[in-house]
PDB file of N, CA and C in Angstrom:
ATOM      1  N   UNK A   1     107.209  75.869  80.958  1.00  0.00           N
ATOM      2  CA  UNK A   1     107.214  75.980  79.520  1.00  0.00           C
ATOM      3  C   UNK A   1     106.242  77.073  79.053  1.00  0.00           C
ATOM      4  N   UNK A   2     105.152  77.226  79.759  1.00  0.00           N
ATOM      5  CA  UNK A   2     104.163  78.239  79.371  1.00  0.00           C
ATOM      6  C   UNK A   2     104.740  79.643  79.493  1.00  0.00           C
ATOM      7  N   UNK A   3     105.492  79.906  80.548  1.00  0.00           N
ATOM      8  CA  UNK A   3     106.084  81.229  80.739  1.00  0.00           C
ATOM      9  C   UNK A   3     107.108  81.503  79.645  1.00  0.00           C
ATOM     10  N   UNK A   4     107.912  80.522  79.314  1.00  0.00           N
ATOM     11  CA  UNK A   4     108.899  80.669  78.250  1.00  0.00           C
ATOM     12  C   UNK A   4     108.219  80.963  76.919  1.00  0.00           C
ATOM     13  N   UNK A   5     107.142  80.270  76.642  1.00  0.00           N
ATOM     14  CA  UNK A   5     106.399  80.478  75.398  1.00  0.00           C
ATOM     15  C   UNK A   5     105.785  81.875  75.351  1.00  0.00           C
ATOM     16  N   UNK A   6     105.237  82.325  76.475  1.00  0.00           N
ATOM     17  CA  UNK A   6     104.657  83.668  76.517  1.00  0.00           C
ATOM     18  C   UNK A   6     105.725  84.732  76.284  1.00  0.00           C
ATOM     19  N   UNK A   7     106.891  84.559  76.891  1.00  0.00           N
ATOM     20  CA  UNK A   7     107.988  85.512  76.680  1.00  0.00           C
ATOM     21  C   UNK A   7     108.451  85.492  75.231  1.00  0.00           C
ATOM     22  N   UNK A   8     108.499  84.321  74.641  1.00  0.00           N
ATOM     23  CA  UNK A   8     108.894  84.196  73.244  1.00  0.00           C
ATOM     24  C   UNK A   8     107.895  84.910  72.333  1.00  0.00           C
ATOM     25  N   UNK A   9     106.636  84.775  72.618  1.00  0.00           N
ATOM     26  CA  UNK A   9     105.606  85.455  71.821  1.00  0.00           C
ATOM     27  C   UNK A   9     105.792  86.963  71.894  1.00  0.00           C
ATOM     28  N   UNK A  10     106.083  87.483  73.098  1.00  0.00           N
ATOM     29  CA  UNK A  10     106.322  88.920  73.247  1.00  0.00           C
ATOM     30  C   UNK A  10     107.540  89.365  72.444  1.00  0.00           C
ATOM     31  N   UNK A  11     108.625  88.578  72.515  1.00  0.00           N
ATOM     32  CA  UNK A  11     109.834  88.908  71.752  1.00  0.00           C
ATOM     33  C   UNK A  11     109.556  88.932  70.253  1.00  0.00           C
ATOM     34  N   UNK A  12     108.845  87.907  69.785  1.00  0.00           N
ATOM     35  CA  UNK A  12     108.546  87.819  68.355  1.00  0.00           C
ATOM     36  C   UNK A  12     107.606  88.939  67.917  1.00  0.00           C
ATOM     37  N   UNK A  13     106.674  89.294  68.774  1.00  0.00           N
ATOM     38  CA  UNK A  13     105.753  90.384  68.448  1.00  0.00           C
ATOM     39  C   UNK A  13     106.510  91.706  68.317  1.00  0.00           C
ATOM     40  N   UNK A  14     107.415  91.962  69.262  1.00  0.00           N
ATOM     41  CA  UNK A  14     108.228  93.181  69.185  1.00  0.00           C
ATOM     42  C   UNK A  14     109.099  93.176  67.939  1.00  0.00           C
ATOM     43  N   UNK A  15     109.683  92.030  67.632  1.00  0.00           N
ATOM     44  CA  UNK A  15     110.542  91.937  66.459  1.00  0.00           C
ATOM     45  C   UNK A  15     109.728  92.141  65.183  1.00  0.00           C
ATOM     46  N   UNK A  16     108.528  91.589  65.113  1.00  0.00           N
ATOM     47  CA  UNK A  16     107.718  91.724  63.908  1.00  0.00           C
ATOM     48  C   UNK A  16     107.295  93.180  63.684  1.00  0.00           C
ATOM     49  N   UNK A  17     107.025  93.896  64.767  1.00  0.00           N
ATOM     50  CA  UNK A  17     106.688  95.315  64.629  1.00  0.00           C
ATOM     51  C   UNK A  17     107.860  96.085  64.033  1.00  0.00           C
ATOM     52  N   UNK A  18     109.059  95.781  64.477  1.00  0.00           N
ATOM     53  CA  UNK A  18     110.243  96.423  63.919  1.00  0.00           C
ATOM     54  C   UNK A  18     110.459  96.053  62.464  1.00  0.00           C
ATOM     55  N   UNK A  19     110.242  94.795  62.126  1.00  0.00           N
ATOM     56  CA  UNK A  19     110.425  94.347  60.743  1.00  0.00           C
ATOM     57  C   UNK A  19     109.438  95.035  59.804  1.00  0.00           C
ATOM     58  N   UNK A  20     108.230  95.258  60.281  1.00  0.00           N
ATOM     59  CA  UNK A  20     107.242  95.968  59.460  1.00  0.00           C
ATOM     60  C   UNK A  20     107.699  97.380  59.117  1.00  0.00           C
ATOM     61  N   UNK A  21     108.501  97.956  60.012  1.00  0.00           N
ATOM     62  CA  UNK A  21     109.020  99.307  59.800  1.00  0.00           C
ATOM     63  C   UNK A  21     110.383  99.291  59.105  1.00  0.00           C
ATOM     64  N   UNK A  22     110.820  98.093  58.678  1.00  0.00           N
ATOM     65  CA  UNK A  22     112.089  97.981  57.960  1.00  0.00           C
ATOM     66  C   UNK A  22     113.305  97.878  58.858  1.00  0.00           C
ATOM     67  N   UNK A  23     113.099  97.652  60.145  1.00  0.00           N
ATOM     68  CA  UNK A  23     114.219  97.544  61.081  1.00  0.00           C
ATOM     69  C   UNK A  23     114.453  96.084  61.448  1.00  0.00           C
ATOM     70  N   UNK A  24     115.639  95.604  61.140  1.00  0.00           N
ATOM     71  CA  UNK A  24     116.016  94.246  61.515  1.00  0.00           C
ATOM     72  C   UNK A  24     116.682  94.284  62.886  1.00  0.00           C
ATOM     73  N   UNK A  25     116.537  93.208  63.662  1.00  0.00           N
ATOM     74  CA  UNK A  25     117.200  93.188  64.972  1.00  0.00           C
ATOM     75  C   UNK A  25     118.717  93.130  64.790  1.00  0.00           C
ATOM     76  N   UNK A  26     119.447  93.685  65.751  1.00  0.00           N
ATOM     77  CA  UNK A  26     120.900  93.589  65.662  1.00  0.00           C
ATOM     78  C   UNK A  26     121.322  92.134  65.843  1.00  0.00           C
ATOM     79  N   UNK A  27     122.554  91.854  65.518  1.00  0.00           N
ATOM     80  CA  UNK A  27     123.039  90.475  65.495  1.00  0.00           C
ATOM     81  C   UNK A  27     122.866  89.775  66.843  1.00  0.00           C
ATOM     82  N   UNK A  28     123.197  90.449  67.927  1.00  0.00           N
ATOM     83  CA  UNK A  28     123.106  89.834  69.249  1.00  0.00           C
ATOM     84  C   UNK A  28     121.659  89.512  69.612  1.00  0.00           C
ATOM     85  N   UNK A  29     120.758  90.431  69.331  1.00  0.00           N
ATOM     86  CA  UNK A  29     119.342  90.206  69.648  1.00  0.00           C
ATOM     87  C   UNK A  29     118.771  89.081  68.772  1.00  0.00           C
ATOM     88  N   UNK A  30     119.126  89.080  67.504  1.00  0.00           N
ATOM     89  CA  UNK A  30     118.677  88.012  66.610  1.00  0.00           C
ATOM     90  C   UNK A  30     119.196  86.650  67.043  1.00  0.00           C
ATOM     91  N   UNK A  31     120.445  86.617  67.509  1.00  0.00           N
ATOM     92  CA  UNK A  31     121.027  85.356  67.981  1.00  0.00           C
ATOM     93  C   UNK A  31     120.287  84.851  69.219  1.00  0.00           C
ATOM     94  N   UNK A  32     119.936  85.781  70.122  1.00  0.00           N
ATOM     95  CA  UNK A  32     119.211  85.414  71.337  1.00  0.00           C
ATOM     96  C   UNK A  32     117.839  84.830  70.984  1.00  0.00           C
ATOM     97  N   UNK A  33     117.125  85.472  70.068  1.00  0.00           N
ATOM     98  CA  UNK A  33     115.799  84.988  69.672  1.00  0.00           C
ATOM     99  C   UNK A  33     115.907  83.621  69.008  1.00  0.00           C
ATOM    100  N   UNK A  34     116.896  83.444  68.139  1.00  0.00           N
ATOM    101  CA  UNK A  34     117.083  82.158  67.467  1.00  0.00           C
ATOM    102  C   UNK A  34     117.384  81.056  68.476  1.00  0.00           C
ATOM    103  N   UNK A  35     118.192  81.379  69.470  1.00  0.00           N
ATOM    104  CA  UNK A  35     118.521  80.395  70.504  1.00  0.00           C
ATOM    105  C   UNK A  35     117.282  79.981  71.295  1.00  0.00           C
ATOM    106  N   UNK A  36     116.457  80.948  71.638  1.00  0.00           N
ATOM    107  CA  UNK A  36     115.227  80.651  72.374  1.00  0.00           C
ATOM    108  C   UNK A  36     114.284  79.815  71.517  1.00  0.00           C
ATOM    109  N   UNK A  37     114.180  80.154  70.230  1.00  0.00           N
ATOM    110  CA  UNK A  37     113.332  79.364  69.324  1.00  0.00           C
ATOM    111  C   UNK A  37     113.794  77.914  69.256  1.00  0.00           C
ATOM    112  N   UNK A  38     115.115  77.706  69.184  1.00  0.00           N
ATOM    113  CA  UNK A  38     115.648  76.340  69.146  1.00  0.00           C
ATOM    114  C   UNK A  38     115.335  75.578  70.434  1.00  0.00           C
ATOM    115  N   UNK A  39     115.459  76.275  71.575  1.00  0.00           N
ATOM    116  CA  UNK A  39     115.167  75.634  72.854  1.00  0.00           C
ATOM    117  C   UNK A  39     113.705  75.218  72.944  1.00  0.00           C
ATOM    118  N   UNK A  40     112.814  76.104  72.549  1.00  0.00           N
ATOM    119  CA  UNK A  40     111.383  75.774  72.579  1.00  0.00           C
ATOM    120  C   UNK A  40     111.078  74.629  71.625  1.00  0.00           C
ATOM    121  N   UNK A  41     111.669  74.658  70.432  1.00  0.00           N
ATOM    122  CA  UNK A  41     111.446  73.586  69.459  1.00  0.00           C
ATOM    123  C   UNK A  41     111.937  72.246  70.016  1.00  0.00           C
ATOM    124  N   UNK A  42     113.087  72.245  70.669  1.00  0.00           N
ATOM    125  CA  UNK A  42     113.607  70.999  71.267  1.00  0.00           C
ATOM    126  C   UNK A  42     112.670  70.472  72.350  1.00  0.00           C
ATOM    127  N   UNK A  43     112.138  71.383  73.164  1.00  0.00           N
ATOM    128  CA  UNK A  43     111.225  70.967  74.233  1.00  0.00           C
ATOM    129  C   UNK A  43     109.919  70.408  73.668  1.00  0.00           C
ATOM    130  N   UNK A  44     109.438  70.980  72.588  1.00  0.00           N
ATOM    131  CA  UNK A  44     108.195  70.509  71.993  1.00  0.00           C
ATOM    132  C   UNK A  44     108.378  69.185  71.250  1.00  0.00           C
ATOM    133  N   UNK A  45     109.613  68.919  70.849  1.00  0.00           N
ATOM    134  CA  UNK A  45     109.914  67.708  70.089  1.00  0.00           C
ATOM    135  C   UNK A  45     110.013  66.464  70.969  1.00  0.00           C
ATOM    136  N   UNK A  46     109.993  66.637  72.263  1.00  0.00           N
ATOM    137  CA  UNK A  46     110.166  65.515  73.203  1.00  0.00           C
ATOM    138  C   UNK A  46     109.008  64.595  73.204  1.00  0.00           C
TER     139      UNK A  46
END
C-alpha cells in the first residue's frame, strides 16, 4: 500500500504542476488517476 500511495503522490504532483499552467490531463490519464484514487480510498476504508 505504501508503494501505491507514493506513486499516487507522484502522479498527483505532476498533474497539479500541469494544472497550475492551465493544462488539464487528457481523458485517459484523468480516468487512470481517478481509478487509482478510488482504489486507494477503498483500501483505506477497510
